[in-house]
Amino acid sequence: MPDGIPRAAADAAGDSMEDAVTAARDLPAGPADDLLTAAAEAYTRGLNTIGVACAVIAAISATIALTMLRRSRGAVPTGDRAPAART
């Protein structure tokens, strides 16, 4: 949190962006801008972290799916065999 932000406002702003905006309303213009900038940066970092985590999970899932599909290519499950031709 930037210097000059009261502890109560900093604690309130740590919960959500909505709480940061509410806390900034009670502050003078300079500290309010600093508080909102810090909150926006923290929010953006959080979104970026979640985006990277989702990308990693998607890559791992794709790798698992490709590996499983390669192993099963050409294999016929036991109950799905075509009946033998009668002569």
Protein backbone atom coordinates (compact mmCIF):
# COMPACT_ATOMS: atom_id res chain seq x y z
CA MET A 1 0.00 0.00 0.00
CA PRO A 2 1.28 3.48 -0.78
CA ASP A 3 2.38 5.79 2.05
CA GLY A 4 -0.25 8.18 3.40
CA ILE A 5 -3.13 5.70 3.22
CA PRO A 6 -4.87 5.22 6.59
CA ARG A 7 -4.74 1.66 7.90
CA ALA A 8 -8.54 1.29 7.89
CA ALA A 9 -8.75 2.33 4.22
CA ALA A 10 -5.88 0.00 3.29
CA ASP A 11 -7.56 -2.92 5.08
CA ALA A 12 -10.89 -2.21 3.40
CA ALA A 13 -9.27 -1.89 -0.03
CA GLY A 14 -7.60 -5.28 0.36
CA ASP A 15 -10.90 -7.13 0.12
CA SER A 16 -12.16 -6.14 -3.35
CA MET A 17 -12.07 -3.42 -6.00
CA GLU A 18 -15.51 -2.27 -4.88
CA ASP A 19 -14.24 -1.84 -1.33
CA ALA A 20 -11.18 0.05 -2.63
CA VAL A 21 -13.41 2.50 -4.49
CA THR A 22 -15.58 2.94 -1.41
CA ALA A 23 -12.52 3.54 0.79
CA ALA A 24 -11.06 5.99 -1.74
CA ARG A 25 -14.20 8.16 -1.56
CA ASP A 26 -13.32 9.14 2.01
CA LEU A 27 -9.72 10.12 1.19
CA PRO A 28 -8.23 13.29 -0.29
CA ALA A 29 -7.56 13.22 -4.05
CA GLY A 30 -3.84 12.29 -3.92
CA PRO A 31 -4.07 9.36 -1.52
CA ALA A 32 -7.32 8.22 -3.17
CA ASP A 33 -5.59 8.04 -6.57
CA ASP A 34 -2.66 6.16 -5.02
CA LEU A 35 -5.03 3.71 -3.33
CA LEU A 36 -6.99 3.07 -6.52
CA THR A 37 -3.80 2.66 -8.56
CA ALA A 38 -2.43 0.11 -6.07
CA ALA A 39 -5.75 -1.75 -6.00
CA ALA A 40 -5.95 -1.83 -9.80
CA GLU A 41 -2.38 -3.15 -10.06
CA ALA A 42 -3.10 -5.89 -7.50
CA TYR A 43 -6.31 -6.82 -9.34
CA THR A 44 -4.47 -6.99 -12.66
CA ARG A 45 -1.69 -9.13 -11.18
CA GLY A 46 -4.31 -11.49 -9.80
CA LEU A 47 -6.01 -11.80 -13.17
CA ASN A 48 -2.67 -12.43 -14.87
CA THR A 49 -1.82 -15.13 -12.35
CA ILE A 50 -5.17 -16.83 -12.90
CA GLY A 51 -4.70 -16.58 -16.68
CA VAL A 52 -1.28 -18.24 -16.50
CA ALA A 53 -2.63 -20.98 -14.23
CA CYS A 54 -5.49 -21.65 -16.66
CA ALA A 55 -3.08 -21.78 -19.59
CA VAL A 56 -0.89 -24.30 -17.77
CA ILE A 57 -3.90 -26.44 -16.89
CA ALA A 58 -5.11 -26.31 -20.51
CA ALA A 59 -1.66 -27.31 -21.80
CA ILE A 60 -1.44 -30.21 -19.37
CA SER A 61 -4.96 -31.34 -20.28
CA ALA A 62 -4.17 -31.18 -24.00
CA THR A 63 -0.98 -33.18 -23.48
CA ILE A 64 -2.84 -35.85 -21.54
CA ALA A 65 -5.60 -36.00 -24.17
CA LEU A 66 -3.11 -36.33 -27.04
CA THR A 67 -1.17 -39.02 -25.19
CA MET A 68 -4.33 -41.01 -24.47
CA LEU A 69 -5.56 -40.67 -28.07
CA ARG A 70 -2.23 -41.84 -29.48
CA ARG A 71 -2.26 -44.90 -27.24
CA SER A 72 -5.80 -45.82 -28.18
CA ARG A 73 -5.46 -45.30 -31.95
CA GLY A 74 -6.34 -48.53 -33.67
CA ALA A 75 -7.50 -50.25 -30.52
CA VAL A 76 -11.01 -51.65 -30.54
CA PRO A 77 -12.84 -51.77 -27.21
CA THR A 78 -13.92 -55.28 -26.18
CA GLY A 79 -17.69 -54.89 -26.53
CA ASP A 80 -17.61 -53.04 -29.85
CA ARG A 81 -16.23 -55.65 -32.21
CA ALA A 82 -18.12 -56.34 -35.39
CA PRO A 83 -19.71 -59.78 -35.54
CA ALA A 84 -17.76 -62.41 -37.45
CA ALA A 85 -18.91 -62.97 -41.04
CA ARG A 86 -20.88 -66.15 -41.57
CA THR A 87 -20.01 -68.45 -44.43
